[in-house]
PDB file of all heavy atoms in Angstrom:
ATOM      1  N   PRO A   1       8.053  13.643  -4.847  1.00  0.00           N
ATOM      2  CA  PRO A   1       7.736  14.694  -3.857  1.00  0.00           C
ATOM      3  C   PRO A   1       6.367  15.267  -4.132  1.00  0.00           C
ATOM      4  O   PRO A   1       5.987  15.509  -5.268  1.00  0.00           O
ATOM      5  CB  PRO A   1       8.805  15.770  -4.165  1.00  0.00           C
ATOM      6  CG  PRO A   1       9.959  15.045  -4.802  1.00  0.00           C
ATOM      7  CD  PRO A   1       9.264  14.026  -5.631  1.00  0.00           C
ATOM      8  N   GLY A   2       5.577  15.455  -3.097  1.00  0.00           N
ATOM      9  CA  GLY A   2       4.245  16.045  -3.144  1.00  0.00           C
ATOM     10  C   GLY A   2       3.200  15.274  -3.888  1.00  0.00           C
ATOM     11  O   GLY A   2       2.204  15.797  -4.271  1.00  0.00           O
ATOM     12  N   ARG A   3       3.442  13.918  -3.969  1.00  0.00           N
ATOM     13  CA  ARG A   3       2.425  13.071  -4.540  1.00  0.00           C
ATOM     14  C   ARG A   3       2.078  11.935  -3.597  1.00  0.00           C
ATOM     15  O   ARG A   3       2.960  11.411  -2.954  1.00  0.00           O
ATOM     16  CB  ARG A   3       2.979  12.513  -5.871  1.00  0.00           C
ATOM     17  CG  ARG A   3       1.896  11.981  -6.787  1.00  0.00           C
ATOM     18  CD  ARG A   3       2.495  11.679  -8.126  1.00  0.00           C
ATOM     19  NE  ARG A   3       3.433  10.424  -8.129  1.00  0.00           N
ATOM     20  CZ  ARG A   3       4.288  10.090  -9.081  1.00  0.00           C
ATOM     21  NH1 ARG A   3       4.430  10.893 -10.011  1.00  0.00           N
ATOM     22  NH2 ARG A   3       4.982   8.996  -8.900  1.00  0.00           N
ATOM     23  N   PHE A   4       0.844  11.531  -3.533  1.00  0.00           N
ATOM     24  CA  PHE A   4       0.455  10.574  -2.456  1.00  0.00           C
ATOM     25  C   PHE A   4      -0.216   9.313  -2.956  1.00  0.00           C
ATOM     26  O   PHE A   4      -0.368   8.318  -2.237  1.00  0.00           O
ATOM     27  CB  PHE A   4      -0.472  11.276  -1.467  1.00  0.00           C
ATOM     28  CG  PHE A   4       0.158  12.443  -0.830  1.00  0.00           C
ATOM     29  CD1 PHE A   4      -0.022  13.692  -1.314  1.00  0.00           C
ATOM     30  CD2 PHE A   4       0.997  12.310   0.345  1.00  0.00           C
ATOM     31  CE1 PHE A   4       0.598  14.863  -0.750  1.00  0.00           C
ATOM     32  CE2 PHE A   4       1.622  13.359   0.888  1.00  0.00           C
ATOM     33  CZ  PHE A   4       1.365  14.695   0.392  1.00  0.00           C
ATOM     34  N   TYR A   5      -0.744   9.271  -4.163  1.00  0.00           N
ATOM     35  CA  TYR A   5      -1.551   8.154  -4.636  1.00  0.00           C
ATOM     36  C   TYR A   5      -0.786   6.928  -4.788  1.00  0.00           C
ATOM     37  O   TYR A   5      -1.284   5.752  -4.671  1.00  0.00           O
ATOM     38  CB  TYR A   5      -2.348   8.523  -5.914  1.00  0.00           C
ATOM     39  CG  TYR A   5      -1.520   8.765  -7.107  1.00  0.00           C
ATOM     40  CD1 TYR A   5      -1.084   7.658  -7.920  1.00  0.00           C
ATOM     41  CD2 TYR A   5      -1.191  10.026  -7.610  1.00  0.00           C
ATOM     42  CE1 TYR A   5      -0.323   7.899  -9.059  1.00  0.00           C
ATOM     43  CE2 TYR A   5      -0.414  10.289  -8.680  1.00  0.00           C
ATOM     44  CZ  TYR A   5       0.035   9.191  -9.417  1.00  0.00           C
ATOM     45  OH  TYR A   5       0.782   9.345 -10.557  1.00  0.00           O
ATOM     46  N   ASP A   6       0.494   7.080  -5.150  1.00  0.00           N
ATOM     47  CA  ASP A   6       1.394   5.914  -5.260  1.00  0.00           C
ATOM     48  C   ASP A   6       2.259   5.660  -4.087  1.00  0.00           C
ATOM     49  O   ASP A   6       3.298   4.923  -4.201  1.00  0.00           O
ATOM     50  CB  ASP A   6       2.220   5.979  -6.563  1.00  0.00           C
ATOM     51  CG  ASP A   6       2.977   7.302  -6.706  1.00  0.00           C
ATOM     52  OD1 ASP A   6       2.843   8.120  -5.746  1.00  0.00           O
ATOM     53  OD2 ASP A   6       3.760   7.416  -7.620  1.00  0.00           O
ATOM     54  N   VAL A   7       1.928   6.214  -2.960  1.00  0.00           N
ATOM     55  CA  VAL A   7       2.669   5.982  -1.698  1.00  0.00           C
ATOM     56  C   VAL A   7       2.545   4.453  -1.392  1.00  0.00           C
ATOM     57  O   VAL A   7       1.513   3.828  -1.534  1.00  0.00           O
ATOM     58  CB  VAL A   7       2.037   6.730  -0.559  1.00  0.00           C
ATOM     59  CG1 VAL A   7       2.545   6.199   0.797  1.00  0.00           C
ATOM     60  CG2 VAL A   7       2.391   8.233  -0.716  1.00  0.00           C
ATOM     61  N   ALA A   8       3.712   3.922  -1.053  1.00  0.00           N
ATOM     62  CA  ALA A   8       3.735   2.428  -0.623  1.00  0.00           C
ATOM     63  C   ALA A   8       3.714   2.381   0.952  1.00  0.00           C
ATOM     64  O   ALA A   8       4.627   3.017   1.518  1.00  0.00           O
ATOM     65  CB  ALA A   8       4.897   1.752  -1.243  1.00  0.00           C
ATOM     66  N   ARG A   9       2.786   1.719   1.520  1.00  0.00           N
ATOM     67  CA  ARG A   9       2.753   1.590   2.946  1.00  0.00           C
ATOM     68  C   ARG A   9       3.195   0.167   3.398  1.00  0.00           C
ATOM     69  O   ARG A   9       2.630  -0.770   2.901  1.00  0.00           O
ATOM     70  CB  ARG A   9       1.362   1.860   3.467  1.00  0.00           C
ATOM     71  CG  ARG A   9       0.870   3.303   3.073  1.00  0.00           C
ATOM     72  CD  ARG A   9      -0.459   3.623   3.703  1.00  0.00           C
ATOM     73  NE  ARG A   9      -0.898   4.904   3.367  1.00  0.00           N
ATOM     74  CZ  ARG A   9      -1.974   5.507   3.852  1.00  0.00           C
ATOM     75  NH1 ARG A   9      -2.676   4.928   4.864  1.00  0.00           N
ATOM     76  NH2 ARG A   9      -2.338   6.736   3.440  1.00  0.00           N
ATOM     77  N   HIS A  10       4.133   0.152   4.308  1.00  0.00           N
ATOM     78  CA  HIS A  10       4.648  -1.241   4.686  1.00  0.00           C
ATOM     79  C   HIS A  10       4.606  -1.230   6.254  1.00  0.00           C
ATOM     80  O   HIS A  10       5.075  -0.336   6.902  1.00  0.00           O
ATOM     81  CB  HIS A  10       6.083  -1.410   4.230  1.00  0.00           C
ATOM     82  CG  HIS A  10       6.162  -1.277   2.700  1.00  0.00           C
ATOM     83  ND1 HIS A  10       6.182  -2.418   1.875  1.00  0.00           N
ATOM     84  CD2 HIS A  10       6.321  -0.201   1.899  1.00  0.00           C
ATOM     85  CE1 HIS A  10       6.298  -1.952   0.618  1.00  0.00           C
ATOM     86  NE2 HIS A  10       6.331  -0.627   0.616  1.00  0.00           N
ATOM     87  N   THR A  11       4.145  -2.351   6.734  1.00  0.00           N
ATOM     88  CA  THR A  11       4.115  -2.571   8.166  1.00  0.00           C
ATOM     89  C   THR A  11       4.852  -3.917   8.427  1.00  0.00           C
ATOM     90  O   THR A  11       4.673  -4.886   7.803  1.00  0.00           O
ATOM     91  CB  THR A  11       2.698  -2.660   8.735  1.00  0.00           C
ATOM     92  OG1 THR A  11       2.000  -1.486   8.353  1.00  0.00           O
ATOM     93  CG2 THR A  11       2.675  -2.844  10.169  1.00  0.00           C
ATOM     94  N   PHE A  12       5.750  -3.801   9.465  1.00  0.00           N
ATOM     95  CA  PHE A  12       6.611  -5.051   9.815  1.00  0.00           C
ATOM     96  C   PHE A  12       6.442  -5.426  11.195  1.00  0.00           C
ATOM     97  O   PHE A  12       6.259  -4.615  12.101  1.00  0.00           O
ATOM     98  CB  PHE A  12       8.074  -4.662   9.524  1.00  0.00           C
ATOM     99  CG  PHE A  12       8.423  -4.310   8.125  1.00  0.00           C
ATOM    100  CD1 PHE A  12       8.460  -2.988   7.718  1.00  0.00           C
ATOM    101  CD2 PHE A  12       8.686  -5.306   7.206  1.00  0.00           C
ATOM    102  CE1 PHE A  12       8.790  -2.661   6.436  1.00  0.00           C
ATOM    103  CE2 PHE A  12       9.050  -5.034   5.842  1.00  0.00           C
ATOM    104  CZ  PHE A  12       9.055  -3.658   5.497  1.00  0.00           C
ATOM    105  N   ASP A  13       6.499  -6.722  11.436  1.00  0.00           N
ATOM    106  CA  ASP A  13       6.591  -7.332  12.826  1.00  0.00           C
ATOM    107  C   ASP A  13       8.012  -6.922  13.301  1.00  0.00           C
ATOM    108  O   ASP A  13       9.011  -7.186  12.679  1.00  0.00           O
ATOM    109  CB  ASP A  13       6.425  -8.825  12.721  1.00  0.00           C
ATOM    110  CG  ASP A  13       6.452  -9.494  14.093  1.00  0.00           C
ATOM    111  OD1 ASP A  13       7.400  -9.169  14.904  1.00  0.00           O
ATOM    112  OD2 ASP A  13       5.592 -10.274  14.410  1.00  0.00           O
ATOM    113  N   ARG A  14       8.037  -6.227  14.417  1.00  0.00           N
ATOM    114  CA  ARG A  14       9.285  -5.728  14.832  1.00  0.00           C
ATOM    115  C   ARG A  14      10.266  -6.738  15.487  1.00  0.00           C
ATOM    116  O   ARG A  14      11.372  -6.455  15.794  1.00  0.00           O
ATOM    117  CB  ARG A  14       9.124  -4.570  15.876  1.00  0.00           C
ATOM    118  CG  ARG A  14       8.658  -4.905  17.281  1.00  0.00           C
ATOM    119  CD  ARG A  14       8.526  -3.652  18.070  1.00  0.00           C
ATOM    120  NE  ARG A  14       8.207  -3.756  19.388  1.00  0.00           N
ATOM    121  CZ  ARG A  14       9.036  -3.991  20.477  1.00  0.00           C
ATOM    122  NH1 ARG A  14      10.291  -3.991  20.212  1.00  0.00           N
ATOM    123  NH2 ARG A  14       8.567  -4.088  21.694  1.00  0.00           N
ATOM    124  N   HIS A  15       9.706  -7.964  15.634  1.00  0.00           N
ATOM    125  CA  HIS A  15      10.617  -9.032  16.164  1.00  0.00           C
ATOM    126  C   HIS A  15      11.141  -9.878  15.053  1.00  0.00           C
ATOM    127  O   HIS A  15      12.246 -10.517  15.221  1.00  0.00           O
ATOM    128  CB  HIS A  15       9.745  -9.854  17.147  1.00  0.00           C
ATOM    129  CG  HIS A  15       9.145  -9.075  18.274  1.00  0.00           C
ATOM    130  ND1 HIS A  15       9.859  -8.233  19.108  1.00  0.00           N
ATOM    131  CD2 HIS A  15       7.825  -8.949  18.673  1.00  0.00           C
ATOM    132  CE1 HIS A  15       9.049  -7.593  19.917  1.00  0.00           C
ATOM    133  NE2 HIS A  15       7.822  -7.981  19.669  1.00  0.00           N
ATOM    134  N   THR A  16      10.351 -10.055  13.992  1.00  0.00           N
ATOM    135  CA  THR A  16      10.814 -10.976  12.918  1.00  0.00           C
ATOM    136  C   THR A  16      11.039 -10.265  11.561  1.00  0.00           C
ATOM    137  O   THR A  16      11.606 -10.869  10.656  1.00  0.00           O
ATOM    138  CB  THR A  16       9.726 -12.044  12.663  1.00  0.00           C
ATOM    139  OG1 THR A  16       8.541 -11.399  12.174  1.00  0.00           O
ATOM    140  CG2 THR A  16       9.392 -12.833  13.942  1.00  0.00           C
ATOM    141  N   LEU A  17      10.630  -9.035  11.436  1.00  0.00           N
ATOM    142  CA  LEU A  17      10.637  -8.209  10.260  1.00  0.00           C
ATOM    143  C   LEU A  17       9.798  -8.768   9.137  1.00  0.00           C
ATOM    144  O   LEU A  17       9.992  -8.490   7.961  1.00  0.00           O
ATOM    145  CB  LEU A  17      12.086  -8.077   9.712  1.00  0.00           C
ATOM    146  CG  LEU A  17      12.969  -7.144  10.598  1.00  0.00           C
ATOM    147  CD1 LEU A  17      14.321  -6.952   9.875  1.00  0.00           C
ATOM    148  CD2 LEU A  17      12.271  -5.821  10.969  1.00  0.00           C
ATOM    149  N   GLN A  18       8.835  -9.623   9.498  1.00  0.00           N
ATOM    150  CA  GLN A  18       7.877 -10.133   8.505  1.00  0.00           C
ATOM    151  C   GLN A  18       6.910  -9.062   8.151  1.00  0.00           C
ATOM    152  O   GLN A  18       6.450  -8.220   8.983  1.00  0.00           O
ATOM    153  CB  GLN A  18       7.064 -11.275   9.162  1.00  0.00           C
ATOM    154  CG  GLN A  18       6.006 -11.830   8.159  1.00  0.00           C
ATOM    155  CD  GLN A  18       5.162 -12.939   8.858  1.00  0.00           C
ATOM    156  OE1 GLN A  18       5.428 -13.334   9.986  1.00  0.00           O
ATOM    157  NE2 GLN A  18       4.102 -13.406   8.166  1.00  0.00           N
ATOM    158  N   ARG A  19       6.648  -8.898   6.878  1.00  0.00           N
ATOM    159  CA  ARG A  19       5.679  -7.799   6.371  1.00  0.00           C
ATOM    160  C   ARG A  19       4.272  -8.220   6.739  1.00  0.00           C
ATOM    161  O   ARG A  19       3.908  -9.384   6.451  1.00  0.00           O
ATOM    162  CB  ARG A  19       5.847  -7.623   4.943  1.00  0.00           C
ATOM    163  CG  ARG A  19       5.153  -6.368   4.342  1.00  0.00           C
ATOM    164  CD  ARG A  19       5.492  -6.122   2.942  1.00  0.00           C
ATOM    165  NE  ARG A  19       4.887  -4.827   2.480  1.00  0.00           N
ATOM    166  CZ  ARG A  19       3.609  -4.747   1.974  1.00  0.00           C
ATOM    167  NH1 ARG A  19       2.920  -5.888   1.869  1.00  0.00           N
ATOM    168  NH2 ARG A  19       3.217  -3.677   1.559  1.00  0.00           N
ATOM    169  N   LEU A  20       3.458  -7.299   7.213  1.00  0.00           N
ATOM    170  CA  LEU A  20       2.097  -7.482   7.636  1.00  0.00           C
ATOM    171  C   LEU A  20       1.150  -6.701   6.668  1.00  0.00           C
ATOM    172  O   LEU A  20       1.339  -5.549   6.483  1.00  0.00           O
ATOM    173  CB  LEU A  20       1.931  -7.095   9.050  1.00  0.00           C
ATOM    174  CG  LEU A  20       2.879  -7.695  10.086  1.00  0.00           C
ATOM    175  CD1 LEU A  20       2.652  -7.021  11.486  1.00  0.00           C
ATOM    176  CD2 LEU A  20       2.678  -9.222  10.223  1.00  0.00           C
ATOM    177  N   ASP A  21       0.160  -7.382   6.184  1.00  0.00           N
ATOM    178  CA  ASP A  21      -0.857  -6.742   5.360  1.00  0.00           C
ATOM    179  C   ASP A  21      -1.959  -6.299   6.194  1.00  0.00           C
ATOM    180  O   ASP A  21      -2.436  -6.948   7.077  1.00  0.00           O
ATOM    181  CB  ASP A  21      -1.377  -7.722   4.297  1.00  0.00           C
ATOM    182  CG  ASP A  21      -0.338  -8.184   3.224  1.00  0.00           C
ATOM    183  OD1 ASP A  21       0.603  -7.349   3.073  1.00  0.00           O
ATOM    184  OD2 ASP A  21      -0.509  -9.268   2.688  1.00  0.00           O
ATOM    185  N   PHE A  22      -2.285  -4.958   6.050  1.00  0.00           N
ATOM    186  CA  PHE A  22      -3.320  -4.341   6.905  1.00  0.00           C
ATOM    187  C   PHE A  22      -4.444  -3.735   6.101  1.00  0.00           C
ATOM    188  O   PHE A  22      -5.534  -3.548   6.642  1.00  0.00           O
ATOM    189  CB  PHE A  22      -2.704  -3.370   7.814  1.00  0.00           C
ATOM    190  CG  PHE A  22      -2.223  -2.103   7.149  1.00  0.00           C
ATOM    191  CD1 PHE A  22      -2.983  -0.930   7.256  1.00  0.00           C
ATOM    192  CD2 PHE A  22      -1.068  -2.061   6.386  1.00  0.00           C
ATOM    193  CE1 PHE A  22      -2.499   0.219   6.582  1.00  0.00           C
ATOM    194  CE2 PHE A  22      -0.687  -0.892   5.784  1.00  0.00           C
ATOM    195  CZ  PHE A  22      -1.420   0.201   5.868  1.00  0.00           C
ATOM    196  N   TYR A  23      -4.300  -3.365   4.866  1.00  0.00           N
ATOM    197  CA  TYR A  23      -5.352  -2.723   4.108  1.00  0.00           C
ATOM    198  C   TYR A  23      -5.135  -3.052   2.674  1.00  0.00           C
ATOM    199  O   TYR A  23      -4.167  -2.540   2.068  1.00  0.00           O
ATOM    200  CB  TYR A  23      -5.336  -1.243   4.423  1.00  0.00           C
ATOM    201  CG  TYR A  23      -6.488  -0.501   3.784  1.00  0.00           C
ATOM    202  CD1 TYR A  23      -7.779  -0.998   3.790  1.00  0.00           C
ATOM    203  CD2 TYR A  23      -6.335   0.715   3.170  1.00  0.00           C
ATOM    204  CE1 TYR A  23      -8.794  -0.247   3.183  1.00  0.00           C
ATOM    205  CE2 TYR A  23      -7.314   1.446   2.538  1.00  0.00           C
ATOM    206  CZ  TYR A  23      -8.590   0.949   2.620  1.00  0.00           C
ATOM    207  OH  TYR A  23      -9.578   1.673   1.983  1.00  0.00           O
ATOM    208  N   ALA A  24      -6.028  -3.780   2.067  1.00  0.00           N
ATOM    209  CA  ALA A  24      -5.875  -4.255   0.702  1.00  0.00           C
ATOM    210  C   ALA A  24      -5.687  -3.124  -0.350  1.00  0.00           C
ATOM    211  O   ALA A  24      -4.990  -3.376  -1.339  1.00  0.00           O
ATOM    212  CB  ALA A  24      -7.058  -5.120   0.278  1.00  0.00           C
ATOM    213  N   VAL A  25      -6.241  -1.999  -0.039  1.00  0.00           N
ATOM    214  CA  VAL A  25      -6.096  -0.872  -1.004  1.00  0.00           C
ATOM    215  C   VAL A  25      -4.581  -0.468  -1.188  1.00  0.00           C
ATOM    216  O   VAL A  25      -4.172  -0.048  -2.320  1.00  0.00           O
ATOM    217  CB  VAL A  25      -7.019   0.322  -0.558  1.00  0.00           C
ATOM    218  CG1 VAL A  25      -6.675   1.575  -1.425  1.00  0.00           C
ATOM    219  CG2 VAL A  25      -8.412  -0.074  -0.660  1.00  0.00           C
ATOM    220  N   PHE A  26      -3.836  -0.485  -0.093  1.00  0.00           N
ATOM    221  CA  PHE A  26      -2.491  -0.034  -0.109  1.00  0.00           C
ATOM    222  C   PHE A  26      -1.448  -1.188   0.007  1.00  0.00           C
ATOM    223  O   PHE A  26      -0.282  -0.984   0.041  1.00  0.00           O
ATOM    224  CB  PHE A  26      -2.194   0.988   0.992  1.00  0.00           C
ATOM    225  CG  PHE A  26      -2.763   2.378   0.722  1.00  0.00           C
ATOM    226  CD1 PHE A  26      -3.970   2.769   1.252  1.00  0.00           C
ATOM    227  CD2 PHE A  26      -2.051   3.247  -0.025  1.00  0.00           C
ATOM    228  CE1 PHE A  26      -4.426   3.932   1.021  1.00  0.00           C
ATOM    229  CE2 PHE A  26      -2.597   4.495  -0.322  1.00  0.00           C
ATOM    230  CZ  PHE A  26      -3.762   4.869   0.246  1.00  0.00           C
ATOM    231  N   ASP A  27      -1.870  -2.416   0.113  1.00  0.00           N
ATOM    232  CA  ASP A  27      -0.983  -3.521   0.219  1.00  0.00           C
ATOM    233  C   ASP A  27      -0.225  -3.815  -1.043  1.00  0.00           C
ATOM    234  O   ASP A  27       0.801  -4.454  -1.060  1.00  0.00           O
ATOM    235  CB  ASP A  27      -1.736  -4.820   0.775  1.00  0.00           C
ATOM    236  CG  ASP A  27      -2.125  -4.722   2.153  1.00  0.00           C
ATOM    237  OD1 ASP A  27      -1.486  -3.856   2.858  1.00  0.00           O
ATOM    238  OD2 ASP A  27      -2.957  -5.455   2.608  1.00  0.00           O
ATOM    239  N   LYS A  28      -0.787  -3.397  -2.184  1.00  0.00           N
ATOM    240  CA  LYS A  28      -0.150  -3.612  -3.460  1.00  0.00           C
ATOM    241  C   LYS A  28       0.400  -2.290  -3.959  1.00  0.00           C
ATOM    242  O   LYS A  28       0.079  -1.209  -3.480  1.00  0.00           O
ATOM    243  CB  LYS A  28      -1.170  -4.180  -4.491  1.00  0.00           C
ATOM    244  CG  LYS A  28      -1.703  -5.530  -4.112  1.00  0.00           C
ATOM    245  CD  LYS A  28      -2.731  -5.935  -5.203  1.00  0.00           C
ATOM    246  CE  LYS A  28      -3.300  -7.296  -4.880  1.00  0.00           C
ATOM    247  NZ  LYS A  28      -4.331  -7.760  -5.853  1.00  0.00           N
ATOM    248  N   SER A  29       1.282  -2.361  -4.997  1.00  0.00           N
ATOM    249  CA  SER A  29       1.742  -1.116  -5.648  1.00  0.00           C
ATOM    250  C   SER A  29       0.536  -0.500  -6.418  1.00  0.00           C
ATOM    251  O   SER A  29      -0.495  -1.189  -6.680  1.00  0.00           O
ATOM    252  CB  SER A  29       2.812  -1.455  -6.635  1.00  0.00           C
ATOM    253  OG  SER A  29       2.413  -2.157  -7.701  1.00  0.00           O
ATOM    254  N   PHE A  30       0.661   0.767  -6.746  1.00  0.00           N
ATOM    255  CA  PHE A  30      -0.361   1.412  -7.465  1.00  0.00           C
ATOM    256  C   PHE A  30      -0.646   0.769  -8.821  1.00  0.00           C
ATOM    257  O   PHE A  30      -1.852   0.603  -9.158  1.00  0.00           O
ATOM    258  CB  PHE A  30      -0.040   2.906  -7.727  1.00  0.00           C
ATOM    259  CG  PHE A  30      -1.135   3.646  -8.461  1.00  0.00           C
ATOM    260  CD1 PHE A  30      -2.219   4.186  -7.750  1.00  0.00           C
ATOM    261  CD2 PHE A  30      -1.032   3.954  -9.741  1.00  0.00           C
ATOM    262  CE1 PHE A  30      -3.173   4.878  -8.397  1.00  0.00           C
ATOM    263  CE2 PHE A  30      -1.969   4.692 -10.415  1.00  0.00           C
ATOM    264  CZ  PHE A  30      -3.093   5.150  -9.766  1.00  0.00           C
ATOM    265  N   ASP A  31       0.309   0.321  -9.523  1.00  0.00           N
ATOM    266  CA  ASP A  31       0.197  -0.246 -10.848  1.00  0.00           C
ATOM    267  C   ASP A  31      -0.555  -1.591 -10.715  1.00  0.00           C
ATOM    268  O   ASP A  31      -1.285  -2.034 -11.667  1.00  0.00           O
ATOM    269  CB  ASP A  31       1.552  -0.454 -11.543  1.00  0.00           C
ATOM    270  CG  ASP A  31       2.083   0.888 -11.885  1.00  0.00           C
ATOM    271  OD1 ASP A  31       1.419   1.845 -12.124  1.00  0.00           O
ATOM    272  OD2 ASP A  31       3.412   1.010 -12.008  1.00  0.00           O
ATOM    273  N   GLU A  32      -0.411  -2.320  -9.616  1.00  0.00           N
ATOM    274  CA  GLU A  32      -0.981  -3.613  -9.432  1.00  0.00           C
ATOM    275  C   GLU A  32      -2.389  -3.522  -8.888  1.00  0.00           C
ATOM    276  O   GLU A  32      -3.136  -4.506  -8.833  1.00  0.00           O
ATOM    277  CB  GLU A  32      -0.103  -4.494  -8.524  1.00  0.00           C
ATOM    278  CG  GLU A  32       1.212  -4.835  -9.095  1.00  0.00           C
ATOM    279  CD  GLU A  32       2.137  -5.552  -8.073  1.00  0.00           C
ATOM    280  OE1 GLU A  32       1.937  -5.336  -6.883  1.00  0.00           O
ATOM    281  OE2 GLU A  32       3.005  -6.327  -8.519  1.00  0.00           O
ATOM    282  N   SER A  33      -2.745  -2.370  -8.454  1.00  0.00           N
ATOM    283  CA  SER A  33      -4.131  -2.199  -7.721  1.00  0.00           C
ATOM    284  C   SER A  33      -5.239  -2.281  -8.758  1.00  0.00           C
ATOM    285  O   SER A  33      -5.041  -1.947  -9.936  1.00  0.00           O
ATOM    286  CB  SER A  33      -4.142  -0.832  -7.073  1.00  0.00           C
ATOM    287  OG  SER A  33      -3.163  -0.832  -6.029  1.00  0.00           O
ATOM    288  N   SER A  34      -6.427  -2.620  -8.231  1.00  0.00           N
ATOM    289  CA  SER A  34      -7.645  -2.582  -9.061  1.00  0.00           C
ATOM    290  C   SER A  34      -8.106  -1.226  -9.301  1.00  0.00           C
ATOM    291  O   SER A  34      -7.590  -0.211  -8.698  1.00  0.00           O
ATOM    292  CB  SER A  34      -8.731  -3.336  -8.329  1.00  0.00           C
ATOM    293  OG  SER A  34      -9.131  -2.602  -7.103  1.00  0.00           O
ATOM    294  N   THR A  35      -9.075  -1.105 -10.296  1.00  0.00           N
ATOM    295  CA  THR A  35      -9.543   0.315 -10.576  1.00  0.00           C
ATOM    296  C   THR A  35     -10.165   1.024  -9.344  1.00  0.00           C
ATOM    297  O   THR A  35      -9.847   2.151  -9.156  1.00  0.00           O
ATOM    298  CB  THR A  35     -10.614   0.212 -11.712  1.00  0.00           C
ATOM    299  OG1 THR A  35     -10.048  -0.459 -12.811  1.00  0.00           O
ATOM    300  CG2 THR A  35     -11.080   1.527 -12.060  1.00  0.00           C
ATOM    301  N   GLY A  36     -10.963   0.289  -8.582  1.00  0.00           N
ATOM    302  CA  GLY A  36     -11.492   0.821  -7.403  1.00  0.00           C
ATOM    303  C   GLY A  36     -10.440   1.333  -6.399  1.00  0.00           C
ATOM    304  O   GLY A  36     -10.552   2.365  -5.796  1.00  0.00           O
ATOM    305  N   ALA A  37      -9.403   0.476  -6.252  1.00  0.00           N
ATOM    306  CA  ALA A  37      -8.361   0.865  -5.275  1.00  0.00           C
ATOM    307  C   ALA A  37      -7.541   2.017  -5.811  1.00  0.00           C
ATOM    308  O   ALA A  37      -7.079   2.910  -5.053  1.00  0.00           O
ATOM    309  CB  ALA A  37      -7.407  -0.356  -5.106  1.00  0.00           C
ATOM    310  N   LYS A  38      -7.279   2.138  -7.151  1.00  0.00           N
ATOM    311  CA  LYS A  38      -6.572   3.299  -7.762  1.00  0.00           C
ATOM    312  C   LYS A  38      -7.336   4.583  -7.468  1.00  0.00           C
ATOM    313  O   LYS A  38      -6.801   5.626  -7.090  1.00  0.00           O
ATOM    314  CB  LYS A  38      -6.396   3.042  -9.205  1.00  0.00           C
ATOM    315  CG  LYS A  38      -5.306   2.055  -9.537  1.00  0.00           C
ATOM    316  CD  LYS A  38      -5.108   1.904 -11.047  1.00  0.00           C
ATOM    317  CE  LYS A  38      -3.972   0.915 -11.360  1.00  0.00           C
ATOM    318  NZ  LYS A  38      -3.829   0.712 -12.770  1.00  0.00           N
ATOM    319  N   VAL A  39      -8.689   4.507  -7.688  1.00  0.00           N
ATOM    320  CA  VAL A  39      -9.538   5.714  -7.450  1.00  0.00           C
ATOM    321  C   VAL A  39      -9.469   6.152  -6.005  1.00  0.00           C
ATOM    322  O   VAL A  39      -9.332   7.264  -5.700  1.00  0.00           O
ATOM    323  CB  VAL A  39     -10.993   5.469  -7.894  1.00  0.00           C
ATOM    324  CG1 VAL A  39     -11.839   6.629  -7.454  1.00  0.00           C
ATOM    325  CG2 VAL A  39     -11.075   5.235  -9.390  1.00  0.00           C
ATOM    326  N   ARG A  40      -9.515   5.107  -5.108  1.00  0.00           N
ATOM    327  CA  ARG A  40      -9.410   5.449  -3.674  1.00  0.00           C
ATOM    328  C   ARG A  40      -8.049   6.032  -3.270  1.00  0.00           C
ATOM    329  O   ARG A  40      -7.978   6.972  -2.509  1.00  0.00           O
ATOM    330  CB  ARG A  40      -9.681   4.186  -2.846  1.00  0.00           C
ATOM    331  CG  ARG A  40      -9.597   4.335  -1.324  1.00  0.00           C
ATOM    332  CD  ARG A  40     -10.520   5.533  -0.834  1.00  0.00           C
ATOM    333  NE  ARG A  40     -11.804   5.581  -1.439  1.00  0.00           N
ATOM    334  CZ  ARG A  40     -12.878   5.006  -0.937  1.00  0.00           C
ATOM    335  NH1 ARG A  40     -12.752   4.228   0.171  1.00  0.00           N
ATOM    336  NH2 ARG A  40     -14.079   5.094  -1.528  1.00  0.00           N
ATOM    337  N   ARG A  41      -6.991   5.458  -3.861  1.00  0.00           N
ATOM    338  CA  ARG A  41      -5.635   6.010  -3.584  1.00  0.00           C
ATOM    339  C   ARG A  41      -5.497   7.376  -4.142  1.00  0.00           C
ATOM    340  O   ARG A  41      -4.726   8.277  -3.498  1.00  0.00           O
ATOM    341  CB  ARG A  41      -4.602   5.033  -4.155  1.00  0.00           C
ATOM    342  CG  ARG A  41      -4.573   3.729  -3.510  1.00  0.00           C
ATOM    343  CD  ARG A  41      -3.677   2.760  -4.235  1.00  0.00           C
ATOM    344  NE  ARG A  41      -2.269   3.056  -4.070  1.00  0.00           N
ATOM    345  CZ  ARG A  41      -1.318   2.240  -3.761  1.00  0.00           C
ATOM    346  NH1 ARG A  41      -1.632   0.960  -3.498  1.00  0.00           N
ATOM    347  NH2 ARG A  41      -0.021   2.615  -3.669  1.00  0.00           N
ATOM    348  N   MET A  42      -6.102   7.734  -5.196  1.00  0.00           N
ATOM    349  CA  MET A  42      -5.977   9.070  -5.732  1.00  0.00           C
ATOM    350  C   MET A  42      -6.891  10.074  -5.087  1.00  0.00           C
ATOM    351  O   MET A  42      -6.744  11.352  -5.289  1.00  0.00           O
ATOM    352  CB  MET A  42      -6.375   9.035  -7.272  1.00  0.00           C
ATOM    353  CG  MET A  42      -5.343   8.287  -8.068  1.00  0.00           C
ATOM    354  SD  MET A  42      -5.597   8.520  -9.884  1.00  0.00           S
ATOM    355  CE  MET A  42      -7.193   7.701 -10.118  1.00  0.00           C
TER     356      MET A  42
END
């Protein structure tokens, strides 16, 4: 609650439920992200 840097964003095709990648900074989990992506997420 009240924390946003490790928010996971998921986008799905509504006909197939295939996951769609739209922004590399949030496409991975926070722990798997690069240093630059972590700073941007924070």
